Amino acid sequence: MVKRLTVGAHYGFRDWLGQRLTATVMALYTVFFLVKVLLLPAYDNAAWRTLFAGGFMKFATFLFFMALFYHAWVGVRDIWMDYVKPVGVRLFLHSVTFFVLVGYAGWVAQILWRL
């Protein structure tokens, strides 16, 4: 039996697919958002509030940011795994990165559902 040893950031197909899916979600949202912004009647506070008043726009925006944070997590995690060799330092950087991204996710939720 061959024992597989995972070294560095080489998780393979799962992470590759995750990066591609999140990039696709972000690209589709960007096009959708640009169209919505270009169709605004005015570019004032009331128009922006109206744009984000609907539940679908809030959900789509939240989905965009969750895709962004997952995409960032995989990318930054791979950088830490490839270039930071001391295990303790790498664990610390992973933890900081994870908690910062979770904090950002909470902040996005607070902003979107406060409107």
C-alpha atoms as a PDB file:
ATOM      1  CA  MET A   1       0.000   0.000   0.000  1.00  0.00           C
ATOM      2  CA  VAL A   2       1.269   3.444  -0.901  1.00  0.00           C
ATOM      3  CA  LYS A   3       1.040   6.000   1.867  1.00  0.00           C
ATOM      4  CA  ARG A   4       0.137   9.427   0.533  1.00  0.00           C
ATOM      5  CA  LEU A   5       1.993  12.288   2.119  1.00  0.00           C
ATOM      6  CA  THR A   6       0.575  15.765   1.764  1.00  0.00           C
ATOM      7  CA  VAL A   7       3.360  18.323   1.693  1.00  0.00           C
ATOM      8  CA  GLY A   8       2.824  22.044   1.336  1.00  0.00           C
ATOM      9  CA  ALA A   9      -0.348  23.440  -0.134  1.00  0.00           C
ATOM     10  CA  HIS A  10      -1.005  20.679  -2.659  1.00  0.00           C
ATOM     11  CA  TYR A  11      -4.551  19.665  -1.815  1.00  0.00           C
ATOM     12  CA  GLY A  12      -5.323  19.020  -5.421  1.00  0.00           C
ATOM     13  CA  PHE A  13      -8.600  18.969  -7.241  1.00  0.00           C
ATOM     14  CA  ARG A  14     -10.836  20.094  -4.357  1.00  0.00           C
ATOM     15  CA  ASP A  15      -9.032  23.394  -3.860  1.00  0.00           C
ATOM     16  CA  TRP A  16      -8.571  23.921  -7.589  1.00  0.00           C
ATOM     17  CA  LEU A  17     -12.312  23.469  -8.115  1.00  0.00           C
ATOM     18  CA  GLY A  18     -13.140  25.678  -5.125  1.00  0.00           C
ATOM     19  CA  GLN A  19     -10.990  28.475  -6.510  1.00  0.00           C
ATOM     20  CA  ARG A  20     -12.649  28.199  -9.935  1.00  0.00           C
ATOM     21  CA  LEU A  21     -16.191  28.094  -8.528  1.00  0.00           C
ATOM     22  CA  THR A  22     -15.665  31.065  -6.242  1.00  0.00           C
ATOM     23  CA  ALA A  23     -14.034  33.018  -9.077  1.00  0.00           C
ATOM     24  CA  THR A  24     -17.052  32.257 -11.273  1.00  0.00           C
ATOM     25  CA  VAL A  25     -19.487  33.401  -8.567  1.00  0.00           C
ATOM     26  CA  MET A  26     -17.516  36.618  -8.098  1.00  0.00           C
ATOM     27  CA  ALA A  27     -17.329  37.293 -11.847  1.00  0.00           C
ATOM     28  CA  LEU A  28     -21.071  36.723 -12.347  1.00  0.00           C
ATOM     29  CA  TYR A  29     -21.928  38.940  -9.389  1.00  0.00           C
ATOM     30  CA  THR A  30     -19.615  41.684 -10.679  1.00  0.00           C
ATOM     31  CA  VAL A  31     -21.377  41.751 -14.049  1.00  0.00           C
ATOM     32  CA  PHE A  32     -24.805  41.631 -12.354  1.00  0.00           C
ATOM     33  CA  PHE A  33     -23.840  44.428  -9.956  1.00  0.00           C
ATOM     34  CA  LEU A  34     -22.432  46.652 -12.709  1.00  0.00           C
ATOM     35  CA  VAL A  35     -25.624  46.290 -14.743  1.00  0.00           C
ATOM     36  CA  LYS A  36     -27.745  47.129 -11.682  1.00  0.00           C
ATOM     37  CA  VAL A  37     -25.598  50.184 -10.896  1.00  0.00           C
ATOM     38  CA  LEU A  38     -25.680  51.447 -14.472  1.00  0.00           C
ATOM     39  CA  LEU A  39     -29.491  51.181 -14.451  1.00  0.00           C
ATOM     40  CA  LEU A  40     -29.870  53.276 -11.296  1.00  0.00           C
ATOM     41  CA  PRO A  41     -31.983  56.389 -11.890  1.00  0.00           C
ATOM     42  CA  ALA A  42     -29.640  58.482  -9.742  1.00  0.00           C
ATOM     43  CA  TYR A  43     -26.467  57.937  -7.794  1.00  0.00           C
ATOM     44  CA  ASP A  44     -27.572  59.223  -4.429  1.00  0.00           C
ATOM     45  CA  ASN A  45     -28.085  57.608  -1.053  1.00  0.00           C
ATOM     46  CA  ALA A  46     -31.747  56.865  -1.690  1.00  0.00           C
ATOM     47  CA  ALA A  47     -30.991  54.977  -4.908  1.00  0.00           C
ATOM     48  CA  TRP A  48     -28.296  52.879  -3.205  1.00  0.00           C
ATOM     49  CA  ARG A  49     -30.638  52.097  -0.318  1.00  0.00           C
ATOM     50  CA  THR A  50     -33.326  51.059  -2.791  1.00  0.00           C
ATOM     51  CA  LEU A  51     -30.846  48.861  -4.660  1.00  0.00           C
ATOM     52  CA  PHE A  52     -29.986  46.954  -1.475  1.00  0.00           C
ATOM     53  CA  ALA A  53     -33.498  46.993   0.003  1.00  0.00           C
ATOM     54  CA  GLY A  54     -34.494  43.706  -1.609  1.00  0.00           C
ATOM     55  CA  GLY A  55     -33.593  40.403  -0.039  1.00  0.00           C
ATOM     56  CA  PHE A  56     -32.160  38.982  -3.256  1.00  0.00           C
ATOM     57  CA  MET A  57     -29.580  41.750  -3.623  1.00  0.00           C
ATOM     58  CA  LYS A  58     -28.510  41.348  -0.001  1.00  0.00           C
ATOM     59  CA  PHE A  59     -28.226  37.594  -0.428  1.00  0.00           C
ATOM     60  CA  ALA A  60     -26.316  37.890  -3.724  1.00  0.00           C
ATOM     61  CA  THR A  61     -23.923  40.400  -2.180  1.00  0.00           C
ATOM     62  CA  PHE A  62     -23.419  38.208   0.874  1.00  0.00           C
ATOM     63  CA  LEU A  63     -22.785  35.208  -1.389  1.00  0.00           C
ATOM     64  CA  PHE A  64     -20.213  37.265  -3.306  1.00  0.00           C
ATOM     65  CA  PHE A  65     -18.361  38.114  -0.115  1.00  0.00           C
ATOM     66  CA  MET A  66     -18.468  34.528   1.170  1.00  0.00           C
ATOM     67  CA  ALA A  67     -16.987  33.398  -2.155  1.00  0.00           C
ATOM     68  CA  LEU A  68     -14.363  36.135  -1.880  1.00  0.00           C
ATOM     69  CA  PHE A  69     -13.414  35.111   1.655  1.00  0.00           C
ATOM     70  CA  TYR A  70     -13.188  31.416   0.782  1.00  0.00           C
ATOM     71  CA  HIS A  71     -11.139  32.278  -2.303  1.00  0.00           C
ATOM     72  CA  ALA A  72      -8.828  34.416  -0.160  1.00  0.00           C
ATOM     73  CA  TRP A  73      -8.586  31.695   2.500  1.00  0.00           C
ATOM     74  CA  VAL A  74      -7.422  29.060   0.008  1.00  0.00           C
ATOM     75  CA  GLY A  75      -4.940  31.417  -1.620  1.00  0.00           C
ATOM     76  CA  VAL A  76      -3.426  32.828   1.563  1.00  0.00           C
ATOM     77  CA  ARG A  77      -3.391  29.419   3.242  1.00  0.00           C
ATOM     78  CA  ASP A  78      -1.438  28.034   0.306  1.00  0.00           C
ATOM     79  CA  ILE A  79       1.056  30.901   0.562  1.00  0.00           C
ATOM     80  CA  TRP A  80       1.571  30.241   4.278  1.00  0.00           C
ATOM     81  CA  MET A  81       1.966  26.506   3.654  1.00  0.00           C
ATOM     82  CA  ASP A  82       4.420  26.947   0.807  1.00  0.00           C
ATOM     83  CA  TYR A  83       6.642  29.701   2.176  1.00  0.00           C
ATOM     84  CA  VAL A  84       6.446  29.618   5.989  1.00  0.00           C
ATOM     85  CA  LYS A  85       8.380  26.597   7.221  1.00  0.00           C
ATOM     86  CA  PRO A  86       8.247  26.857  11.064  1.00  0.00           C
ATOM     87  CA  VAL A  87       5.066  25.040  12.082  1.00  0.00           C
ATOM     88  CA  GLY A  88       4.283  27.351  15.005  1.00  0.00           C
ATOM     89  CA  VAL A  89       4.533  30.493  12.904  1.00  0.00           C
ATOM     90  CA  ARG A  90       2.467  28.890  10.139  1.00  0.00           C
ATOM     91  CA  LEU A  91      -0.251  27.867  12.643  1.00  0.00           C
ATOM     92  CA  PHE A  92      -0.306  31.387  14.053  1.00  0.00           C
ATOM     93  CA  LEU A  93      -0.638  32.914  10.569  1.00  0.00           C
ATOM     94  CA  HIS A  94      -3.374  30.431   9.635  1.00  0.00           C
ATOM     95  CA  SER A  95      -5.277  31.317  12.795  1.00  0.00           C
ATOM     96  CA  VAL A  96      -4.944  35.066  12.275  1.00  0.00           C
ATOM     97  CA  THR A  97      -6.014  34.760   8.643  1.00  0.00           C
ATOM     98  CA  PHE A  98      -9.001  32.574   9.538  1.00  0.00           C
ATOM     99  CA  PHE A  99     -10.252  34.830  12.325  1.00  0.00           C
ATOM    100  CA  VAL A 100      -9.796  37.995  10.256  1.00  0.00           C
ATOM    101  CA  LEU A 101     -11.837  36.489   7.400  1.00  0.00           C
ATOM    102  CA  VAL A 102     -14.561  35.289   9.808  1.00  0.00           C
ATOM    103  CA  GLY A 103     -14.622  38.776  11.321  1.00  0.00           C
ATOM    104  CA  TYR A 104     -14.977  40.311   7.885  1.00  0.00           C
ATOM    105  CA  ALA A 105     -17.875  37.943   7.141  1.00  0.00           C
ATOM    106  CA  GLY A 106     -19.651  39.086  10.297  1.00  0.00           C
ATOM    107  CA  TRP A 107     -18.997  42.694   9.405  1.00  0.00           C
ATOM    108  CA  VAL A 108     -20.464  42.213   5.919  1.00  0.00           C
ATOM    109  CA  ALA A 109     -23.583  40.592   7.403  1.00  0.00           C
ATOM    110  CA  GLN A 110     -23.965  43.468   9.849  1.00  0.00           C
ATOM    111  CA  ILE A 111     -23.632  46.066   7.096  1.00  0.00           C
ATOM    112  CA  LEU A 112     -26.012  44.350   4.676  1.00  0.00           C
ATOM    113  CA  TRP A 113     -28.800  43.650   7.135  1.00  0.00           C
ATOM    114  CA  ARG A 114     -28.506  46.999   8.909  1.00  0.00           C
ATOM    115  CA  LEU A 115     -29.715  48.884   5.831  1.00  0.00           C
END
